[in-house]
Amino acid sequence: MRIYKVMWFDDEHEKFQPMKDEAFLEDVKLIGYSNSEEGIPELRANYNDYDAVVLDGLFFKTIGHQGTDIDDSAFGAVAKVLNELKAQNKILPWFIYSGQKSFVKDKNGFVELFKDTSFANGKVFDKSKDHDFRELLAEIKKAADHNPERKIKVNNPEIFSIFDDGILNEEVESQLMSLFKKPFYDDRAELKAILANIRSIQESIFVTLEGIKILPKNAAFHLKMKHLSGNKSAASGWNPSTTEYQTSEIENLQKWIHITCGTYIHHLEGQHYAGYMISNYAMQSMFSGLLELLLWFKKIYKNNI
């Protein structure tokens, strides 16, 4: 089960540890921010890391703000960012969970302006009601489960643990996610983009292996292959003379991906091989091969840090 990661804007979130614990028992991790000054940059930069956002009606706008002198401007600032992301097709479910009467019981013009009726029909959940908290958790899960990227991550936990553990960065995760969404092409431009992503992810594997000193830096591809395969030679009877990190099957997979991507990336403009173009069968096969390389890489990385 993949934990639902939720950003929670509430000036008193630190007082609600029992509520966070209850949510965690339901597989929902509430990550609190007391103010919009800290939370908004995190939201903009890492919205892909979260499954939903929960907003209190009133919370602090700046770091270090204390007391009761607060208004709904912080709420509006976060809601505006969420709407901007939505306009860019970066849709993050968000919900209002408040104890303020003006937000829960009264009709609040500010809420009516900003609330997103796509989630829980725009209901404002009441902090004073235990049932509302349980309903909120259910609605968070319901909305998040419709997110195609979450579905991909849930169905491929071994692959995406590489990014959850920080082994490869978010840019590589974004490249991989685009391949999961569409590992086939309709025209030459898409073919080139897919091949470039596959080749780039393979290069990210090599760079990371250089970083933990499994590979020498800036070596040519054939030297990388020789090193990962144990530097076999005729002098050693084709037995490994150094640590053997990859089997012949993985080596062949590495070469196939590297050579095929390079060939078609650089020769799509002309009639390469008398006009023959690799089909989407090959593209999907190469994508599956890349996933196999990622699983191999994860094992090598974890065994050598």
C-alpha atoms as a PDB file:
ATOM      1  CA  MET A   1       0.000   0.000   0.000  1.00  0.00           C
ATOM      2  CA  ARG A   2       1.378   3.405  -0.975  1.00  0.00           C
ATOM      3  CA  ILE A   3       0.915   6.056   1.724  1.00  0.00           C
ATOM      4  CA  TYR A   4      -1.201   9.080   0.765  1.00  0.00           C
ATOM      5  CA  LYS A   5       1.001  12.139   1.285  1.00  0.00           C
ATOM      6  CA  VAL A   6      -1.013  15.283   2.143  1.00  0.00           C
ATOM      7  CA  MET A   7       0.116  18.881   2.666  1.00  0.00           C
ATOM      8  CA  TRP A   8      -1.824  20.420   5.561  1.00  0.00           C
ATOM      9  CA  PHE A   9      -1.961  24.190   6.066  1.00  0.00           C
ATOM     10  CA  ASP A  10      -2.988  24.901   9.659  1.00  0.00           C
ATOM     11  CA  ASP A  11      -1.430  27.340  12.130  1.00  0.00           C
ATOM     12  CA  GLU A  12      -2.072  24.846  14.954  1.00  0.00           C
ATOM     13  CA  HIS A  13      -1.137  21.618  13.174  1.00  0.00           C
ATOM     14  CA  GLU A  14       1.532  20.844  15.803  1.00  0.00           C
ATOM     15  CA  LYS A  15      -1.205  20.578  18.437  1.00  0.00           C
ATOM     16  CA  PHE A  16      -3.012  17.911  16.459  1.00  0.00           C
ATOM     17  CA  GLN A  17      -0.532  15.033  16.667  1.00  0.00           C
ATOM     18  CA  PRO A  18      -3.281  12.563  17.725  1.00  0.00           C
ATOM     19  CA  MET A  19      -5.134  13.526  14.542  1.00  0.00           C
ATOM     20  CA  LYS A  20      -1.978  12.960  12.473  1.00  0.00           C
ATOM     21  CA  ASP A  21      -1.529   9.583  14.160  1.00  0.00           C
ATOM     22  CA  GLU A  22      -5.127   8.616  13.419  1.00  0.00           C
ATOM     23  CA  ALA A  23      -4.683   9.625   9.783  1.00  0.00           C
ATOM     24  CA  PHE A  24      -1.464   7.609   9.498  1.00  0.00           C
ATOM     25  CA  LEU A  25      -3.294   4.510  10.707  1.00  0.00           C
ATOM     26  CA  GLU A  26      -5.547   5.095   7.677  1.00  0.00           C
ATOM     27  CA  ASP A  27      -2.468   5.345   5.387  1.00  0.00           C
ATOM     28  CA  VAL A  28      -2.655   9.153   5.166  1.00  0.00           C
ATOM     29  CA  LYS A  29       0.449  11.135   6.132  1.00  0.00           C
ATOM     30  CA  LEU A  30      -0.409  14.749   7.071  1.00  0.00           C
ATOM     31  CA  ILE A  31       2.571  17.066   6.591  1.00  0.00           C
ATOM     32  CA  GLY A  32       1.874  20.329   8.384  1.00  0.00           C
ATOM     33  CA  TYR A  33       2.690  23.922   7.442  1.00  0.00           C
ATOM     34  CA  SER A  34       1.648  26.727   9.757  1.00  0.00           C
ATOM     35  CA  ASN A  35       2.132  29.470   7.153  1.00  0.00           C
ATOM     36  CA  SER A  36       1.854  30.080   3.433  1.00  0.00           C
ATOM     37  CA  GLU A  37       5.330  31.638   3.170  1.00  0.00           C
ATOM     38  CA  GLU A  38       6.957  28.254   3.763  1.00  0.00           C
ATOM     39  CA  GLY A  39       4.261  26.078   2.251  1.00  0.00           C
ATOM     40  CA  ILE A  40       3.757  27.739  -1.126  1.00  0.00           C
ATOM     41  CA  PRO A  41       7.362  27.257  -2.382  1.00  0.00           C
ATOM     42  CA  GLU A  42       7.138  23.594  -1.372  1.00  0.00           C
ATOM     43  CA  LEU A  43       3.791  23.293  -3.151  1.00  0.00           C
ATOM     44  CA  ARG A  44       5.096  24.880  -6.348  1.00  0.00           C
ATOM     45  CA  ALA A  45       8.333  22.884  -6.417  1.00  0.00           C
ATOM     46  CA  ASN A  46       7.106  19.490  -5.240  1.00  0.00           C
ATOM     47  CA  TYR A  47       3.372  19.278  -5.980  1.00  0.00           C
ATOM     48  CA  ASN A  48       4.050  15.908  -7.609  1.00  0.00           C
ATOM     49  CA  ASP A  49       5.109  14.497  -4.234  1.00  0.00           C
ATOM     50  CA  TYR A  50       1.673  15.082  -2.716  1.00  0.00           C
ATOM     51  CA  ASP A  51      -1.668  13.375  -3.211  1.00  0.00           C
ATOM     52  CA  ALA A  52      -3.789  16.239  -1.823  1.00  0.00           C
ATOM     53  CA  VAL A  53      -3.773  19.538   0.062  1.00  0.00           C
ATOM     54  CA  VAL A  54      -5.879  20.404   3.123  1.00  0.00           C
ATOM     55  CA  LEU A  55      -6.457  24.057   4.104  1.00  0.00           C
ATOM     56  CA  ASP A  56      -7.635  25.493   7.387  1.00  0.00           C
ATOM     57  CA  GLY A  57      -9.756  28.605   6.978  1.00  0.00           C
ATOM     58  CA  LEU A  58      -7.317  30.837   8.849  1.00  0.00           C
ATOM     59  CA  PHE A  59      -3.593  30.251   9.180  1.00  0.00           C
ATOM     60  CA  PHE A  60      -0.415  32.295   9.225  1.00  0.00           C
ATOM     61  CA  LYS A  61       0.947  34.043   6.169  1.00  0.00           C
ATOM     62  CA  THR A  62       4.584  34.487   7.257  1.00  0.00           C
ATOM     63  CA  ILE A  63       7.241  32.495   9.097  1.00  0.00           C
ATOM     64  CA  GLY A  64       7.351  33.314  12.810  1.00  0.00           C
ATOM     65  CA  HIS A  65       3.821  34.770  12.875  1.00  0.00           C
ATOM     66  CA  GLN A  66       2.077  34.011  16.168  1.00  0.00           C
ATOM     67  CA  GLY A  67      -1.123  34.926  17.975  1.00  0.00           C
ATOM     68  CA  THR A  68      -4.675  35.339  16.779  1.00  0.00           C
ATOM     69  CA  ASP A  69      -4.218  38.329  14.474  1.00  0.00           C
ATOM     70  CA  ILE A  70      -4.792  36.420  11.237  1.00  0.00           C
ATOM     71  CA  ASP A  71      -7.157  36.700   8.300  1.00  0.00           C
ATOM     72  CA  ASP A  72      -8.013  34.629   5.242  1.00  0.00           C
ATOM     73  CA  SER A  73      -5.275  36.075   3.014  1.00  0.00           C
ATOM     74  CA  ALA A  74      -2.990  33.046   3.473  1.00  0.00           C
ATOM     75  CA  PHE A  75      -5.880  30.765   2.459  1.00  0.00           C
ATOM     76  CA  GLY A  76      -6.409  32.872  -0.661  1.00  0.00           C
ATOM     77  CA  ALA A  77      -2.708  32.799  -1.557  1.00  0.00           C
ATOM     78  CA  VAL A  78      -2.546  28.992  -1.409  1.00  0.00           C
ATOM     79  CA  ALA A  79      -5.884  28.567  -3.210  1.00  0.00           C
ATOM     80  CA  LYS A  80      -4.621  30.845  -5.978  1.00  0.00           C
ATOM     81  CA  VAL A  81      -1.510  28.678  -6.458  1.00  0.00           C
ATOM     82  CA  LEU A  82      -3.655  25.532  -6.572  1.00  0.00           C
ATOM     83  CA  ASN A  83      -5.823  27.100  -9.277  1.00  0.00           C
ATOM     84  CA  GLU A  84      -2.718  28.157 -11.229  1.00  0.00           C
ATOM     85  CA  LEU A  85      -1.430  24.583 -11.110  1.00  0.00           C
ATOM     86  CA  LYS A  86      -4.831  23.323 -12.255  1.00  0.00           C
ATOM     87  CA  ALA A  87      -4.726  25.698 -15.242  1.00  0.00           C
ATOM     88  CA  GLN A  88      -1.400  24.025 -16.182  1.00  0.00           C
ATOM     89  CA  ASN A  89      -3.114  20.613 -15.948  1.00  0.00           C
ATOM     90  CA  LYS A  90      -1.276  19.902 -12.692  1.00  0.00           C
ATOM     91  CA  ILE A  91      -4.344  18.848 -10.754  1.00  0.00           C
ATOM     92  CA  LEU A  92      -3.966  18.333  -7.026  1.00  0.00           C
ATOM     93  CA  PRO A  93      -7.113  17.561  -5.000  1.00  0.00           C
ATOM     94  CA  TRP A  94      -7.676  20.055  -2.188  1.00  0.00           C
ATOM     95  CA  PHE A  95     -10.091  20.321   0.696  1.00  0.00           C
ATOM     96  CA  ILE A  96     -11.082  22.827   3.372  1.00  0.00           C
ATOM     97  CA  TYR A  97     -10.943  21.567   6.963  1.00  0.00           C
ATOM     98  CA  SER A  98     -11.676  24.354   9.400  1.00  0.00           C
ATOM     99  CA  GLY A  99     -12.912  25.166  12.870  1.00  0.00           C
ATOM    100  CA  GLN A 100     -13.803  28.769  12.066  1.00  0.00           C
ATOM    101  CA  LYS A 101     -17.523  29.475  12.102  1.00  0.00           C
ATOM    102  CA  SER A 102     -17.178  31.883   9.173  1.00  0.00           C
ATOM    103  CA  PHE A 103     -15.832  29.061   7.035  1.00  0.00           C
ATOM    104  CA  VAL A 104     -17.894  26.128   8.278  1.00  0.00           C
ATOM    105  CA  LYS A 105     -21.350  27.403   9.125  1.00  0.00           C
ATOM    106  CA  ASP A 106     -21.692  30.762   7.386  1.00  0.00           C
ATOM    107  CA  LYS A 107     -21.612  31.348   3.657  1.00  0.00           C
ATOM    108  CA  ASN A 108     -18.165  32.790   3.056  1.00  0.00           C
ATOM    109  CA  GLY A 109     -17.714  34.706  -0.191  1.00  0.00           C
ATOM    110  CA  PHE A 110     -13.999  33.996  -0.195  1.00  0.00           C
ATOM    111  CA  VAL A 111     -14.592  30.251   0.063  1.00  0.00           C
ATOM    112  CA  GLU A 112     -17.269  30.378  -2.622  1.00  0.00           C
ATOM    113  CA  LEU A 113     -14.804  32.145  -4.912  1.00  0.00           C
ATOM    114  CA  PHE A 114     -11.916  29.737  -4.453  1.00  0.00           C
ATOM    115  CA  LYS A 115     -13.241  26.328  -3.408  1.00  0.00           C
ATOM    116  CA  ASP A 116     -12.956  23.520  -5.930  1.00  0.00           C
ATOM    117  CA  THR A 117     -16.220  21.613  -6.266  1.00  0.00           C
ATOM    118  CA  SER A 118     -14.382  18.840  -8.133  1.00  0.00           C
ATOM    119  CA  PHE A 119     -13.495  17.314  -4.767  1.00  0.00           C
ATOM    120  CA  ALA A 120     -16.091  16.342  -2.125  1.00  0.00           C
ATOM    121  CA  ASN A 121     -18.503  18.697  -3.963  1.00  0.00           C
ATOM    122  CA  GLY A 122     -16.693  21.624  -2.358  1.00  0.00           C
ATOM    123  CA  LYS A 123     -17.767  20.653   1.175  1.00  0.00           C
ATOM    124  CA  VAL A 124     -16.107  22.495   4.062  1.00  0.00           C
ATOM    125  CA  PHE A 125     -15.209  19.849   6.653  1.00  0.00           C
ATOM    126  CA  ASP A 126     -15.815  20.804  10.295  1.00  0.00           C
ATOM    127  CA  LYS A 127     -13.004  20.278  12.820  1.00  0.00           C
ATOM    128  CA  SER A 128     -15.488  20.017  15.658  1.00  0.00           C
ATOM    129  CA  LYS A 129     -17.024  16.855  14.187  1.00  0.00           C
ATOM    130  CA  ASP A 130     -15.136  13.548  14.372  1.00  0.00           C
ATOM    131  CA  HIS A 131     -17.243  12.205  11.540  1.00  0.00           C
ATOM    132  CA  ASP A 132     -16.074  15.002   9.244  1.00  0.00           C
ATOM    133  CA  PHE A 133     -12.427  14.065   9.804  1.00  0.00           C
ATOM    134  CA  ARG A 134     -13.100  10.448   8.872  1.00  0.00           C
ATOM    135  CA  GLU A 135     -15.068  11.596   5.835  1.00  0.00           C
ATOM    136  CA  LEU A 136     -12.225  13.929   4.855  1.00  0.00           C
ATOM    137  CA  LEU A 137      -9.730  11.052   4.903  1.00  0.00           C
ATOM    138  CA  ALA A 138     -12.078   8.973   2.742  1.00  0.00           C
ATOM    139  CA  GLU A 139     -12.490  11.817   0.237  1.00  0.00           C
ATOM    140  CA  ILE A 140      -8.711  12.350   0.073  1.00  0.00           C
ATOM    141  CA  LYS A 141      -8.217   8.700  -0.847  1.00  0.00           C
ATOM    142  CA  LYS A 142     -11.092   8.716  -3.306  1.00  0.00           C
ATOM    143  CA  ALA A 143      -9.755  11.749  -5.169  1.00  0.00           C
ATOM    144  CA  ALA A 144      -6.133  10.597  -5.089  1.00  0.00           C
ATOM    145  CA  ASP A 145      -7.020   7.159  -6.433  1.00  0.00           C
ATOM    146  CA  HIS A 146      -8.327   8.797  -9.618  1.00  0.00           C
ATOM    147  CA  ASN A 147      -4.935  10.391 -10.255  1.00  0.00           C
ATOM    148  CA  PRO A 148      -3.310   8.428 -13.130  1.00  0.00           C
ATOM    149  CA  GLU A 149       0.206   9.122 -11.804  1.00  0.00           C
ATOM    150  CA  ARG A 150      -0.671   7.678  -8.402  1.00  0.00           C
ATOM    151  CA  LYS A 151      -2.087   4.577 -10.121  1.00  0.00           C
ATOM    152  CA  ILE A 152       1.184   4.133 -11.989  1.00  0.00           C
ATOM    153  CA  LYS A 153       3.193   4.458  -8.778  1.00  0.00           C
ATOM    154  CA  VAL A 154       0.930   2.065  -6.869  1.00  0.00           C
ATOM    155  CA  ASN A 155       1.203  -0.532  -9.650  1.00  0.00           C
ATOM    156  CA  ASN A 156       5.007  -0.233  -9.886  1.00  0.00           C
ATOM    157  CA  PRO A 157       6.251   0.115  -6.290  1.00  0.00           C
ATOM    158  CA  GLU A 158       9.668  -1.494  -6.879  1.00  0.00           C
ATOM    159  CA  ILE A 159      10.473   1.030  -9.595  1.00  0.00           C
ATOM    160  CA  PHE A 160       9.237   4.157  -7.835  1.00  0.00           C
ATOM    161  CA  SER A 161      10.928   3.266  -4.554  1.00  0.00           C
ATOM    162  CA  ILE A 162      14.096   4.387  -6.394  1.00  0.00           C
ATOM    163  CA  PHE A 163      12.730   7.939  -6.284  1.00  0.00           C
ATOM    164  CA  ASP A 164      11.072   7.634  -2.875  1.00  0.00           C
ATOM    165  CA  ASP A 165      14.490   6.665  -1.470  1.00  0.00           C
ATOM    166  CA  GLY A 166      16.215   9.574  -3.222  1.00  0.00           C
ATOM    167  CA  ILE A 167      18.465   7.337  -5.353  1.00  0.00           C
ATOM    168  CA  LEU A 168      17.438   9.166  -8.539  1.00  0.00           C
ATOM    169  CA  ASN A 169      16.029  12.681  -8.603  1.00  0.00           C
ATOM    170  CA  GLU A 170      12.628  14.142  -9.477  1.00  0.00           C
ATOM    171  CA  GLU A 171      13.651  15.148 -12.991  1.00  0.00           C
ATOM    172  CA  VAL A 172      14.405  11.519 -13.827  1.00  0.00           C
ATOM    173  CA  GLU A 173      11.124  10.478 -12.202  1.00  0.00           C
ATOM    174  CA  SER A 174       9.271  12.954 -14.420  1.00  0.00           C
ATOM    175  CA  GLN A 175      10.986  11.529 -17.513  1.00  0.00           C
ATOM    176  CA  LEU A 176      10.057   7.999 -16.488  1.00  0.00           C
ATOM    177  CA  MET A 177       6.475   8.992 -15.700  1.00  0.00           C
ATOM    178  CA  SER A 178       6.073  10.399 -19.215  1.00  0.00           C
ATOM    179  CA  LEU A 179       7.172   7.014 -20.599  1.00  0.00           C
ATOM    180  CA  PHE A 180       4.680   5.153 -18.427  1.00  0.00           C
ATOM    181  CA  LYS A 181       1.901   7.427 -19.668  1.00  0.00           C
ATOM    182  CA  LYS A 182       2.791   6.914 -23.326  1.00  0.00           C
ATOM    183  CA  PRO A 183       5.543   4.395 -24.193  1.00  0.00           C
ATOM    184  CA  PHE A 184       4.675   4.541 -27.903  1.00  0.00           C
ATOM    185  CA  TYR A 185       4.758   7.131 -30.678  1.00  0.00           C
ATOM    186  CA  ASP A 186       2.421   8.515 -33.321  1.00  0.00           C
ATOM    187  CA  ASP A 187       4.970  10.537 -35.281  1.00  0.00           C
ATOM    188  CA  ARG A 188       8.714  11.064 -35.592  1.00  0.00           C
ATOM    189  CA  ALA A 189       8.832  13.913 -33.097  1.00  0.00           C
ATOM    190  CA  GLU A 190       7.297  11.693 -30.405  1.00  0.00           C
ATOM    191  CA  LEU A 191       9.655   8.857 -31.321  1.00  0.00           C
ATOM    192  CA  LYS A 192      12.669  11.091 -30.865  1.00  0.00           C
ATOM    193  CA  ALA A 193      11.365  12.413 -27.521  1.00  0.00           C
ATOM    194  CA  ILE A 194      10.747   8.889 -26.171  1.00  0.00           C
ATOM    195  CA  LEU A 195      14.177   7.669 -27.263  1.00  0.00           C
ATOM    196  CA  ALA A 196      15.814  10.743 -25.726  1.00  0.00           C
ATOM    197  CA  ASN A 197      14.061  10.079 -22.409  1.00  0.00           C
ATOM    198  CA  ILE A 198      15.108   6.425 -22.379  1.00  0.00           C
ATOM    199  CA  ARG A 199      18.716   7.297 -23.214  1.00  0.00           C
ATOM    200  CA  SER A 200      18.752  10.108 -20.635  1.00  0.00           C
ATOM    201  CA  ILE A 201      17.517   7.794 -17.866  1.00  0.00           C
ATOM    202  CA  GLN A 202      20.200   5.268 -18.758  1.00  0.00           C
ATOM    203  CA  GLU A 203      22.802   8.047 -18.547  1.00  0.00           C
ATOM    204  CA  SER A 204      21.413   9.064 -15.125  1.00  0.00           C
ATOM    205  CA  ILE A 205      22.054   5.493 -13.957  1.00  0.00           C
ATOM    206  CA  PHE A 206      25.674   5.746 -15.106  1.00  0.00           C
ATOM    207  CA  VAL A 207      26.200   9.151 -13.477  1.00  0.00           C
ATOM    208  CA  THR A 208      24.821   7.859 -10.172  1.00  0.00           C
ATOM    209  CA  LEU A 209      27.097   4.814 -10.337  1.00  0.00           C
ATOM    210  CA  GLU A 210      30.024   7.177 -10.932  1.00  0.00           C
ATOM    211  CA  GLY A 211      28.972   9.080  -7.814  1.00  0.00           C
ATOM    212  CA  ILE A 212      29.365   5.979  -5.630  1.00  0.00           C
ATOM    213  CA  LYS A 213      32.619   5.030  -7.404  1.00  0.00           C
ATOM    214  CA  ILE A 214      31.328   1.904  -9.138  1.00  0.00           C
ATOM    215  CA  LEU A 215      32.107   3.471 -12.521  1.00  0.00           C
ATOM    216  CA  PRO A 216      35.092   5.653 -13.449  1.00  0.00           C
ATOM    217  CA  LYS A 217      34.040   9.187 -14.350  1.00  0.00           C
ATOM    218  CA  ASN A 218      33.561  10.229 -17.975  1.00  0.00           C
ATOM    219  CA  ALA A 219      34.501   6.847 -19.455  1.00  0.00           C
ATOM    220  CA  ALA A 220      33.339   5.955 -22.963  1.00  0.00           C
ATOM    221  CA  PHE A 221      30.317   3.663 -23.163  1.00  0.00           C
ATOM    222  CA  HIS A 222      32.303   0.568 -24.195  1.00  0.00           C
ATOM    223  CA  LEU A 223      34.640   1.092 -21.237  1.00  0.00           C
ATOM    224  CA  LYS A 224      31.668   1.412 -18.885  1.00  0.00           C
ATOM    225  CA  MET A 225      30.345  -1.897 -20.169  1.00  0.00           C
ATOM    226  CA  LYS A 226      33.733  -3.566 -19.782  1.00  0.00           C
ATOM    227  CA  HIS A 227      34.126  -2.274 -16.224  1.00  0.00           C
ATOM    228  CA  LEU A 228      30.616  -3.266 -15.096  1.00  0.00           C
ATOM    229  CA  SER A 229      31.184  -6.748 -16.551  1.00  0.00           C
ATOM    230  CA  GLY A 230      34.374  -7.263 -14.525  1.00  0.00           C
ATOM    231  CA  ASN A 231      37.020  -6.188 -17.088  1.00  0.00           C
ATOM    232  CA  LYS A 232      37.149  -9.584 -18.773  1.00  0.00           C
ATOM    233  CA  SER A 233      39.875 -10.158 -21.339  1.00  0.00           C
ATOM    234  CA  ALA A 234      41.705 -12.902 -23.206  1.00  0.00           C
ATOM    235  CA  ALA A 235      44.554 -12.572 -20.721  1.00  0.00           C
ATOM    236  CA  SER A 236      42.213 -13.594 -17.881  1.00  0.00           C
ATOM    237  CA  GLY A 237      40.579 -16.342 -19.910  1.00  0.00           C
ATOM    238  CA  TRP A 238      37.517 -14.105 -20.242  1.00  0.00           C
ATOM    239  CA  ASN A 239      36.972 -14.376 -16.505  1.00  0.00           C
ATOM    240  CA  PRO A 240      36.300 -11.194 -14.472  1.00  0.00           C
ATOM    241  CA  SER A 241      39.443  -9.574 -13.086  1.00  0.00           C
ATOM    242  CA  THR A 242      37.523  -6.958 -11.077  1.00  0.00           C
ATOM    243  CA  THR A 243      34.095  -6.898  -9.422  1.00  0.00           C
ATOM    244  CA  GLU A 244      31.414  -8.110 -11.832  1.00  0.00           C
ATOM    245  CA  TYR A 245      28.374  -5.865 -11.437  1.00  0.00           C
ATOM    246  CA  GLN A 246      26.343  -6.984 -14.421  1.00  0.00           C
ATOM    247  CA  THR A 247      25.578 -10.298 -16.105  1.00  0.00           C
ATOM    248  CA  SER A 248      25.920 -10.803 -19.848  1.00  0.00           C
ATOM    249  CA  GLU A 249      22.133 -10.436 -20.124  1.00  0.00           C
ATOM    250  CA  ILE A 250      22.199  -6.993 -18.495  1.00  0.00           C
ATOM    251  CA  GLU A 251      25.205  -6.003 -20.600  1.00  0.00           C
ATOM    252  CA  ASN A 252      23.354  -6.940 -23.785  1.00  0.00           C
ATOM    253  CA  LEU A 253      20.317  -4.991 -22.604  1.00  0.00           C
ATOM    254  CA  GLN A 254      22.499  -1.943 -21.903  1.00  0.00           C
ATOM    255  CA  LYS A 255      24.044  -2.114 -25.372  1.00  0.00           C
ATOM    256  CA  TRP A 256      20.729  -2.618 -27.145  1.00  0.00           C
ATOM    257  CA  ILE A 257      19.169   0.436 -25.488  1.00  0.00           C
ATOM    258  CA  HIS A 258      22.255   2.626 -25.908  1.00  0.00           C
ATOM    259  CA  ILE A 259      22.881   1.772 -29.555  1.00  0.00           C
ATOM    260  CA  THR A 260      19.237   1.761 -30.690  1.00  0.00           C
ATOM    261  CA  CYS A 261      18.414   5.079 -29.026  1.00  0.00           C
ATOM    262  CA  GLY A 262      21.586   6.706 -30.351  1.00  0.00           C
ATOM    263  CA  THR A 263      21.081   5.416 -33.882  1.00  0.00           C
ATOM    264  CA  TYR A 264      17.526   6.689 -34.265  1.00  0.00           C
ATOM    265  CA  ILE A 265      17.982   9.940 -32.326  1.00  0.00           C
ATOM    266  CA  HIS A 266      20.758  10.981 -34.706  1.00  0.00           C
ATOM    267  CA  HIS A 267      19.421   9.583 -37.988  1.00  0.00           C
ATOM    268  CA  LEU A 268      15.691  10.261 -37.977  1.00  0.00           C
ATOM    269  CA  GLU A 269      16.178  13.079 -40.487  1.00  0.00           C
ATOM    270  CA  GLY A 270      17.267  10.764 -43.309  1.00  0.00           C
ATOM    271  CA  GLN A 271      16.180   7.437 -44.761  1.00  0.00           C
ATOM    272  CA  HIS A 272      18.131   5.363 -42.276  1.00  0.00           C
ATOM    273  CA  TYR A 273      18.273   1.653 -43.121  1.00  0.00           C
ATOM    274  CA  ALA A 274      16.433   2.287 -46.422  1.00  0.00           C
ATOM    275  CA  GLY A 275      13.628   4.060 -44.592  1.00  0.00           C
ATOM    276  CA  TYR A 276      12.971   1.384 -41.954  1.00  0.00           C
ATOM    277  CA  MET A 277      11.589   2.757 -38.689  1.00  0.00           C
ATOM    278  CA  ILE A 278      11.443   0.711 -35.505  1.00  0.00           C
ATOM    279  CA  SER A 279       7.854   0.004 -34.556  1.00  0.00           C
ATOM    280  CA  ASN A 280       5.998   0.582 -31.301  1.00  0.00           C
ATOM    281  CA  TYR A 281       6.578  -3.091 -30.479  1.00  0.00           C
ATOM    282  CA  ALA A 282      10.282  -2.274 -30.227  1.00  0.00           C
ATOM    283  CA  MET A 283       9.536   0.925 -28.298  1.00  0.00           C
ATOM    284  CA  GLN A 284       7.474  -0.884 -25.679  1.00  0.00           C
ATOM    285  CA  SER A 285      10.075  -3.627 -25.474  1.00  0.00           C
ATOM    286  CA  MET A 286      12.826  -1.051 -24.953  1.00  0.00           C
ATOM    287  CA  PHE A 287      10.780   0.621 -22.229  1.00  0.00           C
ATOM    288  CA  SER A 288      10.395  -2.735 -20.467  1.00  0.00           C
ATOM    289  CA  GLY A 289      14.145  -3.217 -20.840  1.00  0.00           C
ATOM    290  CA  LEU A 290      14.747   0.148 -19.208  1.00  0.00           C
ATOM    291  CA  LEU A 291      12.602  -0.893 -16.237  1.00  0.00           C
ATOM    292  CA  GLU A 292      14.718  -4.042 -15.918  1.00  0.00           C
ATOM    293  CA  LEU A 293      17.858  -1.880 -15.914  1.00  0.00           C
ATOM    294  CA  LEU A 294      16.372   0.279 -13.154  1.00  0.00           C
ATOM    295  CA  LEU A 295      15.720  -2.779 -10.982  1.00  0.00           C
ATOM    296  CA  TRP A 296      19.287  -3.995 -11.614  1.00  0.00           C
ATOM    297  CA  PHE A 297      20.619  -0.522 -10.816  1.00  0.00           C
ATOM    298  CA  LYS A 298      18.656  -0.260  -7.554  1.00  0.00           C
ATOM    299  CA  LYS A 299      20.130  -3.546  -6.327  1.00  0.00           C
ATOM    300  CA  ILE A 300      23.701  -2.565  -7.284  1.00  0.00           C
ATOM    301  CA  TYR A 301      23.303   0.862  -5.671  1.00  0.00           C
ATOM    302  CA  LYS A 302      21.945  -0.451  -2.371  1.00  0.00           C
ATOM    303  CA  ASN A 303      24.589  -3.169  -2.164  1.00  0.00           C
ATOM    304  CA  ASN A 304      27.416  -0.666  -2.591  1.00  0.00           C
ATOM    305  CA  ILE A 305      26.615   2.369  -0.454  1.00  0.00           C
END
